[in-house]
Amino acid sequence: MIGYQFMGKAHSHAYRDIPFFFSTKAKPILKALCGRNKEAVEEAAETMGWESVETDWRELIKRDDIDVIDIVTPNHTHAEIAIAAAKAGKHIITEKPLALTVEEAKEMKEAVEQHQVIHMICHNYRFVPAIQYTKQLIDQGRLGKIFHFRANYLQDFIIDPNFPLIWRLKKEVSGSGSLGDIGAHSIDLARFLVGEMDEVVAMTETFIKERPLGEMSGGLKAEANSQELGEVTVDDAVAFMVRFDSGTFGTFEATRFATGNRNRNTFEINGEKGSVRWDMENMNHLDVYFTDDEKGTQGFRRVLCTEEEHPYAEAYWPAGHIIGYEHTFIHLLYEFCESIINKKQAKPDFHDGYQNQLILDAIQKSATHKRWEKIPKAD
């Protein structure tokens, strides 16, 4: 694994727990952890259970005892690492968004296809049991024709003007701000649940233009290391409307300036036969409404998605005993490992990542030009 902070911790925990919860031939061995700071990566490796460390990802890719490269580094590094790993015949999973640009994303997709390696992008929210169950309800026709998909992803962790200018606030490193960091998750969920998008119109805003220089210090925390100010070159907030290929009407908002919202990732889907709504801050519950319920008792019902009938739930505890954020990574990486063993490509893959990148690019163009933009389809 290349990188070892917030996502590195989540991925490491998931690999270790896959064989504990799931009956599988997949027994991940945490061979090597890579980071530029030798002392820090050695400490992380000891804490998270990795056998060895490297300080140069190129050396990691050369190793014959490694089958998988897991990329949890900042966005601008994904393409170079993934393409090199594909050429070396390594299976690859990378954090989102797939790349910095559409061109990089396409090169990454072509590289994994050419070298026939298994590849996934880490959109972990797809693997919440309640969301997998939502997908089942839609595919079974329980909601009928879908009229609306509305999503909000609200955080507030950078609202302090003294919060430092970390890599997530630099376009040359992250590509975009709230759009690529959290809005990308809503885009992926919308495609997973409702289908492909046709066109988009968007607006963005950067509320704080300059911040003190600084670095991440774990999780979503950061420390200023200078009183010098640097320019924020990404969006703080984005809102956009989408027309889906199916005719579904989509509305989206992503912001890191929604006071009091720590990680409020939500969606609501309205169909001719019913509706569902979900909130990450209460991730085990799914609110469900059906139009054919008895008159007088109609309304949203709250379903606790911990029954054996709910995807992945049977691997854990008795009904009503909830699971958490970390389990979304267990499910995703379980599917990744299973796809390697069975030589069958899992989703979401680099094709999905490329399509998501095309959507992110269209949103940015729309916000810049103040017009509807057609969304290209991935090759």
Protein backbone atom coordinates (compact mmCIF):
# COMPACT_ATOMS: atom_id res chain seq x y z
CA MET A 1 0.00 0.00 0.00
CA ILE A 2 1.30 3.43 -0.94
CA GLY A 3 0.24 6.01 1.65
CA TYR A 4 -0.64 5.42 5.28
CA GLN A 5 -2.76 8.18 6.81
CA PHE A 6 -6.60 8.40 6.97
CA MET A 7 -7.42 6.05 4.09
CA GLY A 8 -4.36 3.91 4.77
CA LYS A 9 -5.71 3.16 8.22
CA ALA A 10 -9.18 2.34 6.84
CA HIS A 11 -7.79 0.01 4.15
CA SER A 12 -5.34 -1.71 6.52
CA HIS A 13 -8.08 -2.48 9.01
CA ALA A 14 -10.30 -3.85 6.23
CA TYR A 15 -7.68 -6.22 4.83
CA ARG A 16 -7.08 -7.67 8.29
CA ASP A 17 -10.79 -8.22 8.95
CA ILE A 18 -11.84 -9.78 5.61
CA PRO A 19 -11.05 -13.39 6.61
CA PHE A 20 -12.43 -12.80 10.11
CA PHE A 21 -15.94 -12.00 8.88
CA PHE A 22 -16.18 -13.66 5.46
CA SER A 23 -15.75 -17.27 4.42
CA THR A 24 -13.30 -16.76 1.58
CA LYS A 25 -10.06 -18.02 0.11
CA ALA A 26 -8.83 -14.43 0.29
CA LYS A 27 -6.25 -14.12 3.06
CA PRO A 28 -4.55 -10.76 2.45
CA ILE A 29 -0.95 -10.59 3.61
CA LEU A 30 0.16 -7.03 4.42
CA LYS A 31 3.59 -7.24 2.80
CA ALA A 32 4.80 -3.67 2.51
CA LEU A 33 3.75 -0.13 3.33
CA CYS A 34 5.24 2.79 1.41
CA GLY A 35 5.72 6.42 2.41
CA ARG A 36 8.36 9.10 1.93
CA ASN A 37 9.06 9.66 5.65
CA LYS A 38 10.87 6.51 6.78
CA GLU A 39 10.35 7.04 10.51
CA ALA A 40 6.64 7.81 10.08
CA VAL A 41 5.97 4.91 7.70
CA GLU A 42 7.82 2.47 10.00
CA GLU A 43 5.66 3.58 12.91
CA ALA A 44 2.50 3.23 10.80
CA ALA A 45 3.55 -0.21 9.56
CA GLU A 46 4.07 -1.46 13.10
CA THR A 47 0.72 -0.05 14.23
CA MET A 48 -1.29 -1.35 11.27
CA GLY A 49 0.40 -4.74 10.88
CA TRP A 50 2.55 -4.42 7.74
CA GLU A 51 5.60 -6.68 7.40
CA SER A 52 8.01 -4.20 5.81
CA VAL A 53 8.34 -0.66 4.51
CA GLU A 54 9.56 1.14 1.41
CA THR A 55 10.20 4.85 0.89
CA ASP A 56 10.04 4.72 -2.93
CA TRP A 57 6.89 3.36 -4.58
CA ARG A 58 8.92 2.29 -7.61
CA GLU A 59 10.82 -0.18 -5.44
CA LEU A 60 7.52 -1.48 -4.09
CA ILE A 61 6.21 -2.19 -7.59
CA LYS A 62 9.40 -4.10 -8.51
CA ARG A 63 8.94 -6.63 -5.70
CA ASP A 64 8.01 -10.17 -6.75
CA ASP A 65 6.32 -10.92 -3.43
CA ILE A 66 3.59 -8.32 -4.03
CA ASP A 67 0.46 -9.00 -6.14
CA VAL A 68 -1.63 -5.92 -5.35
CA ILE A 69 -0.90 -2.20 -5.28
CA ASP A 70 -3.26 -0.13 -3.13
CA ILE A 71 -2.98 3.62 -3.79
CA VAL A 72 -4.11 5.96 -1.00
CA THR A 73 -1.95 8.94 -1.91
CA PRO A 74 -3.06 12.46 -3.02
CA ASN A 75 -4.89 12.62 -6.33
CA HIS A 76 -2.07 13.97 -8.51
CA THR A 77 0.01 10.82 -7.91
CA HIS A 78 -2.61 8.21 -8.85
CA ALA A 79 -1.99 8.04 -12.60
CA GLU A 80 1.80 7.55 -12.60
CA ILE A 81 1.66 4.90 -9.88
CA ALA A 82 -1.30 2.99 -11.33
CA ILE A 83 0.07 2.91 -14.88
CA ALA A 84 3.45 1.65 -13.66
CA ALA A 85 1.74 -0.98 -11.49
CA ALA A 86 -0.38 -2.18 -14.42
CA LYS A 87 2.72 -2.54 -16.60
CA ALA A 88 4.28 -4.64 -13.82
CA GLY A 89 1.24 -6.93 -13.81
CA LYS A 90 -0.03 -5.86 -10.39
CA HIS A 91 -3.72 -5.72 -9.52
CA ILE A 92 -4.69 -2.19 -8.46
CA ILE A 93 -7.12 -0.41 -6.20
CA THR A 94 -6.97 3.34 -5.83
CA GLU A 95 -8.73 6.01 -3.84
CA LYS A 96 -11.09 8.39 -5.57
CA PRO A 97 -11.20 10.42 -7.69
CA LEU A 98 -9.40 8.21 -10.16
CA ALA A 99 -7.07 10.91 -11.45
CA LEU A 100 -6.35 14.62 -11.69
CA THR A 101 -7.72 14.97 -15.23
CA VAL A 102 -9.84 13.17 -17.82
CA GLU A 103 -6.72 12.47 -19.87
CA GLU A 104 -4.97 10.78 -16.94
CA ALA A 105 -8.09 8.75 -16.11
CA LYS A 106 -8.30 7.47 -19.68
CA GLU A 107 -4.63 6.47 -19.66
CA MET A 108 -5.16 4.58 -16.40
CA LYS A 109 -8.20 2.74 -17.77
CA GLU A 110 -6.35 1.80 -20.94
CA ALA A 111 -3.30 0.59 -18.98
CA VAL A 112 -5.25 -1.84 -16.75
CA GLU A 113 -7.22 -3.13 -19.73
CA GLN A 114 -4.11 -3.61 -21.85
CA HIS A 115 -2.25 -5.49 -19.13
CA GLN A 116 -5.35 -7.41 -17.99
CA VAL A 117 -5.07 -6.74 -14.28
CA ILE A 118 -7.98 -6.47 -11.82
CA HIS A 119 -8.74 -2.85 -10.94
CA MET A 120 -11.11 -1.00 -8.62
CA ILE A 121 -11.73 2.55 -7.44
CA CYS A 122 -12.55 3.05 -3.79
CA HIS A 123 -16.11 4.35 -3.71
CA ASN A 124 -16.82 2.64 -0.42
CA TYR A 125 -20.35 4.01 0.06
CA ARG A 126 -21.64 1.63 -2.62
CA PHE A 127 -21.01 -1.12 -0.08
CA VAL A 128 -23.24 0.09 2.74
CA PRO A 129 -25.86 -2.67 3.23
CA ALA A 130 -28.70 -0.13 3.08
CA ILE A 131 -27.42 1.16 -0.27
CA GLN A 132 -26.97 -2.32 -1.71
CA TYR A 133 -30.54 -3.02 -0.57
CA THR A 134 -31.72 0.18 -2.27
CA LYS A 135 -30.16 -1.12 -5.49
CA GLN A 136 -32.11 -4.37 -5.09
CA LEU A 137 -35.40 -2.49 -4.61
CA ILE A 138 -34.78 -0.41 -7.73
CA ASP A 139 -33.74 -3.42 -9.85
CA GLN A 140 -36.83 -5.31 -8.70
CA GLY A 141 -39.02 -2.43 -9.87
CA ARG A 142 -40.31 -1.73 -6.36
CA LEU A 143 -39.95 2.04 -6.88
CA GLY A 144 -41.16 1.99 -10.50
CA LYS A 145 -39.99 4.72 -12.85
CA ILE A 146 -37.52 7.00 -11.07
CA PHE A 147 -38.43 10.69 -11.21
CA HIS A 148 -35.94 12.30 -8.81
CA PHE A 149 -32.49 11.66 -7.40
CA ARG A 150 -31.34 14.32 -4.93
CA ALA A 151 -28.11 14.15 -3.01
CA ASN A 152 -26.31 16.28 -0.45
CA TYR A 153 -22.83 15.74 0.91
CA LEU A 154 -22.26 18.24 3.71
CA GLN A 155 -19.14 18.73 5.85
CA ASP A 156 -17.77 21.65 7.86
CA PHE A 157 -14.17 20.70 8.63
CA ILE A 158 -12.51 23.63 6.76
CA ILE A 159 -14.91 26.37 7.84
CA ASP A 160 -12.33 28.01 10.14
CA PRO A 161 -10.44 30.60 8.02
CA ASN A 162 -7.29 29.62 9.93
CA PHE A 163 -7.56 26.00 8.80
CA PRO A 164 -4.35 25.46 6.78
CA LEU A 165 -3.89 25.30 3.04
CA ILE A 166 -3.59 21.50 2.81
CA TRP A 167 -3.26 19.50 -0.41
CA ARG A 168 -7.04 19.13 -0.65
CA LEU A 169 -7.24 22.90 -1.27
CA LYS A 170 -4.72 22.99 -4.12
CA LYS A 171 -5.96 22.37 -7.66
CA GLU A 172 -2.60 21.09 -8.89
CA VAL A 173 -2.71 18.32 -6.28
CA SER A 174 -6.43 17.55 -5.83
CA GLY A 175 -8.00 18.61 -9.15
CA SER A 176 -11.02 20.13 -7.42
CA GLY A 177 -12.32 20.81 -3.92
CA SER A 178 -15.61 19.66 -2.45
CA LEU A 179 -16.57 18.45 -5.94
CA GLY A 180 -13.90 15.76 -6.26
CA ASP A 181 -13.43 15.12 -2.56
CA ILE A 182 -17.04 14.41 -1.56
CA GLY A 183 -19.26 15.24 -4.54
CA ALA A 184 -17.57 12.40 -6.43
CA HIS A 185 -19.14 9.96 -3.97
CA SER A 186 -22.63 11.29 -4.68
CA ILE A 187 -21.98 11.05 -8.43
CA ASP A 188 -20.87 7.43 -8.11
CA LEU A 189 -23.90 6.51 -5.99
CA ALA A 190 -26.24 8.17 -8.48
CA ARG A 191 -24.74 6.21 -11.38
CA PHE A 192 -24.82 2.98 -9.37
CA LEU A 193 -28.45 3.39 -8.32
CA VAL A 194 -30.13 5.33 -11.15
CA GLY A 195 -27.89 5.11 -14.23
CA GLU A 196 -25.84 7.24 -16.56
CA MET A 197 -26.03 11.03 -16.84
CA ASP A 198 -26.69 13.02 -20.01
CA GLU A 199 -26.02 16.70 -19.22
CA VAL A 200 -25.28 19.00 -16.30
CA VAL A 201 -25.42 22.63 -15.21
CA ALA A 202 -23.41 23.76 -12.18
CA MET A 203 -22.18 26.55 -9.96
CA THR A 204 -19.24 26.63 -7.56
CA GLU A 205 -17.99 29.00 -4.87
CA THR A 206 -14.76 29.52 -2.94
CA PHE A 207 -15.62 31.33 0.28
CA ILE A 208 -12.13 31.72 1.75
CA LYS A 209 -9.59 32.73 -0.87
CA GLU A 210 -6.37 32.49 1.19
CA ARG A 211 -5.22 30.31 4.09
CA PRO A 212 -2.05 29.79 6.14
CA LEU A 213 0.30 27.16 4.76
CA GLY A 214 0.13 23.77 6.46
CA GLU A 215 -0.11 20.00 6.22
CA MET A 216 -2.51 17.19 7.13
CA SER A 217 -1.89 15.71 10.57
CA GLY A 218 -4.21 12.68 10.55
CA GLY A 219 -7.86 12.13 9.68
CA LEU A 220 -9.23 15.48 8.52
CA LYS A 221 -7.04 17.44 10.94
CA ALA A 222 -4.24 19.77 9.87
CA GLU A 223 -1.54 21.97 11.34
CA ALA A 224 -0.31 25.33 10.09
CA ASN A 225 3.47 25.45 9.63
CA SER A 226 3.75 29.06 8.52
CA GLN A 227 2.06 32.44 8.96
CA GLU A 228 2.44 32.96 5.24
CA LEU A 229 -0.82 32.78 3.29
CA GLY A 230 -1.40 30.80 0.11
CA GLU A 231 -4.20 30.91 -2.45
CA VAL A 232 -7.07 28.41 -2.30
CA THR A 233 -7.45 27.23 -5.90
CA VAL A 234 -10.41 24.84 -5.61
CA ASP A 235 -14.12 25.10 -4.84
CA ASP A 236 -15.41 25.19 -1.28
CA ALA A 237 -18.94 24.34 -2.43
CA VAL A 238 -20.68 23.08 -5.56
CA ALA A 239 -24.29 22.66 -6.62
CA PHE A 240 -25.45 21.10 -9.87
CA MET A 241 -28.45 19.72 -11.69
CA VAL A 242 -28.30 16.64 -13.91
CA ARG A 243 -30.53 15.10 -16.55
CA PHE A 244 -30.05 11.34 -16.53
CA ASP A 245 -30.29 9.25 -19.71
CA SER A 246 -33.49 7.74 -18.29
CA GLY A 247 -35.14 11.13 -17.84
CA THR A 248 -34.59 11.17 -14.07
CA PHE A 249 -34.12 14.68 -12.68
CA GLY A 250 -31.07 15.01 -10.42
CA THR A 251 -30.03 17.70 -7.94
CA PHE A 252 -26.73 17.64 -6.04
CA GLU A 253 -24.91 19.75 -3.47
CA ALA A 254 -21.48 19.24 -1.94
CA THR A 255 -19.86 21.61 0.52
CA ARG A 256 -17.28 21.68 3.28
CA PHE A 257 -18.93 24.80 4.77
CA ALA A 258 -22.18 23.35 6.16
CA THR A 259 -21.87 24.23 9.84
CA GLY A 260 -22.79 21.36 12.17
CA ASN A 261 -22.53 18.66 9.47
CA ARG A 262 -19.55 16.44 10.10
CA ASN A 263 -20.14 13.92 7.31
CA ARG A 264 -23.76 14.19 6.20
CA ASN A 265 -23.84 12.16 3.00
CA THR A 266 -27.51 11.76 2.03
CA PHE A 267 -29.75 10.93 -0.89
CA GLU A 268 -33.46 10.59 -1.63
CA ILE A 269 -34.93 8.78 -4.61
CA ASN A 270 -38.55 9.32 -5.66
CA GLY A 271 -40.27 6.89 -8.01
CA GLU A 272 -43.81 6.31 -9.25
CA LYS A 273 -44.32 3.42 -6.81
CA GLY A 274 -42.31 4.61 -3.85
CA SER A 275 -39.33 6.43 -2.40
CA VAL A 276 -36.22 5.77 -0.33
CA ARG A 277 -33.94 8.07 1.60
CA TRP A 278 -30.61 7.45 3.36
CA ASP A 279 -28.18 9.37 5.58
CA MET A 280 -24.59 8.26 6.21
CA GLU A 281 -24.71 9.63 9.75
CA ASN A 282 -27.36 6.96 10.40
CA MET A 283 -26.01 4.47 7.86
CA ASN A 284 -27.75 1.30 9.02
CA HIS A 285 -31.22 2.75 8.43
CA LEU A 286 -33.11 3.14 5.17
CA ASP A 287 -36.36 5.10 5.05
CA VAL A 288 -38.77 3.43 2.62
CA TYR A 289 -42.21 4.47 1.30
CA PHE A 290 -44.50 2.55 -1.05
CA THR A 291 -47.57 4.05 -2.72
CA ASP A 292 -49.55 0.80 -2.47
CA ASP A 293 -49.44 0.71 1.32
CA GLU A 294 -52.83 0.81 3.00
CA LYS A 295 -54.49 4.23 3.00
CA GLY A 296 -54.39 5.87 6.39
CA THR A 297 -51.11 4.22 7.36
CA GLN A 298 -48.98 5.42 4.47
CA GLY A 299 -45.69 7.13 5.20
CA PHE A 300 -41.98 6.51 5.34
CA ARG A 301 -41.04 3.45 7.40
CA ARG A 302 -37.58 3.08 8.91
CA VAL A 303 -35.88 -0.19 8.02
CA LEU A 304 -32.86 -1.30 10.06
CA CYS A 305 -30.72 -3.03 7.42
CA THR A 306 -29.15 -5.66 9.67
CA GLU A 307 -31.33 -8.66 8.77
CA GLU A 308 -29.99 -11.69 6.90
CA GLU A 309 -31.93 -10.47 3.85
CA HIS A 310 -29.79 -7.33 3.66
CA PRO A 311 -26.50 -7.52 1.68
CA TYR A 312 -23.41 -8.32 3.79
CA ALA A 313 -25.40 -8.22 7.06
CA GLU A 314 -25.27 -11.99 7.57
CA ALA A 315 -21.48 -11.82 7.99
CA TYR A 316 -21.77 -9.84 11.19
CA TRP A 317 -23.93 -9.78 14.29
CA PRO A 318 -27.52 -10.73 15.19
CA ALA A 319 -30.22 -8.48 13.73
CA GLY A 320 -30.29 -5.02 15.25
CA HIS A 321 -26.58 -5.00 16.13
CA ILE A 322 -25.28 -2.24 13.89
CA ILE A 323 -22.06 -1.96 11.89
CA GLY A 324 -20.05 1.17 11.05
CA TYR A 325 -18.05 3.19 8.54
CA GLU A 326 -15.08 0.82 8.59
CA HIS A 327 -17.25 -2.05 7.35
CA THR A 328 -17.83 -0.30 4.02
CA PHE A 329 -14.12 -0.76 3.31
CA ILE A 330 -14.23 -4.39 4.43
CA HIS A 331 -17.01 -5.04 1.90
CA LEU A 332 -15.27 -3.18 -0.92
CA LEU A 333 -11.90 -4.87 -0.39
CA TYR A 334 -13.58 -8.24 0.08
CA GLU A 335 -15.11 -7.82 -3.39
CA PHE A 336 -11.72 -6.73 -4.73
CA CYS A 337 -9.97 -9.80 -3.32
CA GLU A 338 -12.74 -12.11 -4.54
CA SER A 339 -12.43 -10.64 -8.03
CA ILE A 340 -8.71 -11.45 -8.06
CA ILE A 341 -9.27 -15.02 -6.88
CA ASN A 342 -12.13 -15.61 -9.32
CA LYS A 343 -10.52 -13.61 -12.16
CA LYS A 344 -13.73 -11.68 -12.63
CA GLN A 345 -13.69 -7.88 -12.69
CA ALA A 346 -15.51 -6.24 -9.76
CA LYS A 347 -17.22 -2.83 -9.69
CA PRO A 348 -16.68 0.08 -9.39
CA ASP A 349 -13.64 -0.23 -11.66
CA PHE A 350 -11.43 2.14 -13.60
CA HIS A 351 -14.12 2.42 -16.29
CA ASP A 352 -16.41 3.81 -13.60
CA GLY A 353 -13.63 6.06 -12.38
CA TYR A 354 -13.09 7.37 -15.91
CA GLN A 355 -16.81 8.02 -16.38
CA ASN A 356 -16.95 9.80 -13.04
CA GLN A 357 -13.97 11.90 -14.12
CA LEU A 358 -15.81 12.91 -17.31
CA ILE A 359 -18.73 14.04 -15.15
CA LEU A 360 -16.46 16.00 -12.78
CA ASP A 361 -14.88 17.68 -15.79
CA ALA A 362 -18.28 18.60 -17.30
CA ILE A 363 -19.37 20.08 -13.96
CA GLN A 364 -16.26 22.25 -13.78
CA LYS A 365 -16.73 23.40 -17.37
CA SER A 366 -20.38 24.22 -16.70
CA ALA A 367 -19.53 26.28 -13.62
CA THR A 368 -16.83 28.14 -15.57
CA HIS A 369 -18.90 28.83 -18.69
CA LYS A 370 -22.27 29.18 -16.88
CA ARG A 371 -24.13 26.85 -19.24
CA TRP A 372 -25.40 23.29 -19.65
CA GLU A 373 -22.68 20.83 -20.59
CA LYS A 374 -23.16 17.50 -22.34
CA ILE A 375 -21.55 14.61 -20.46
CA PRO A 376 -19.42 12.36 -22.71
CA LYS A 377 -19.63 8.60 -22.35
CA ALA A 378 -16.51 6.62 -21.49
CA ASP A 379 -15.11 4.49 -24.34
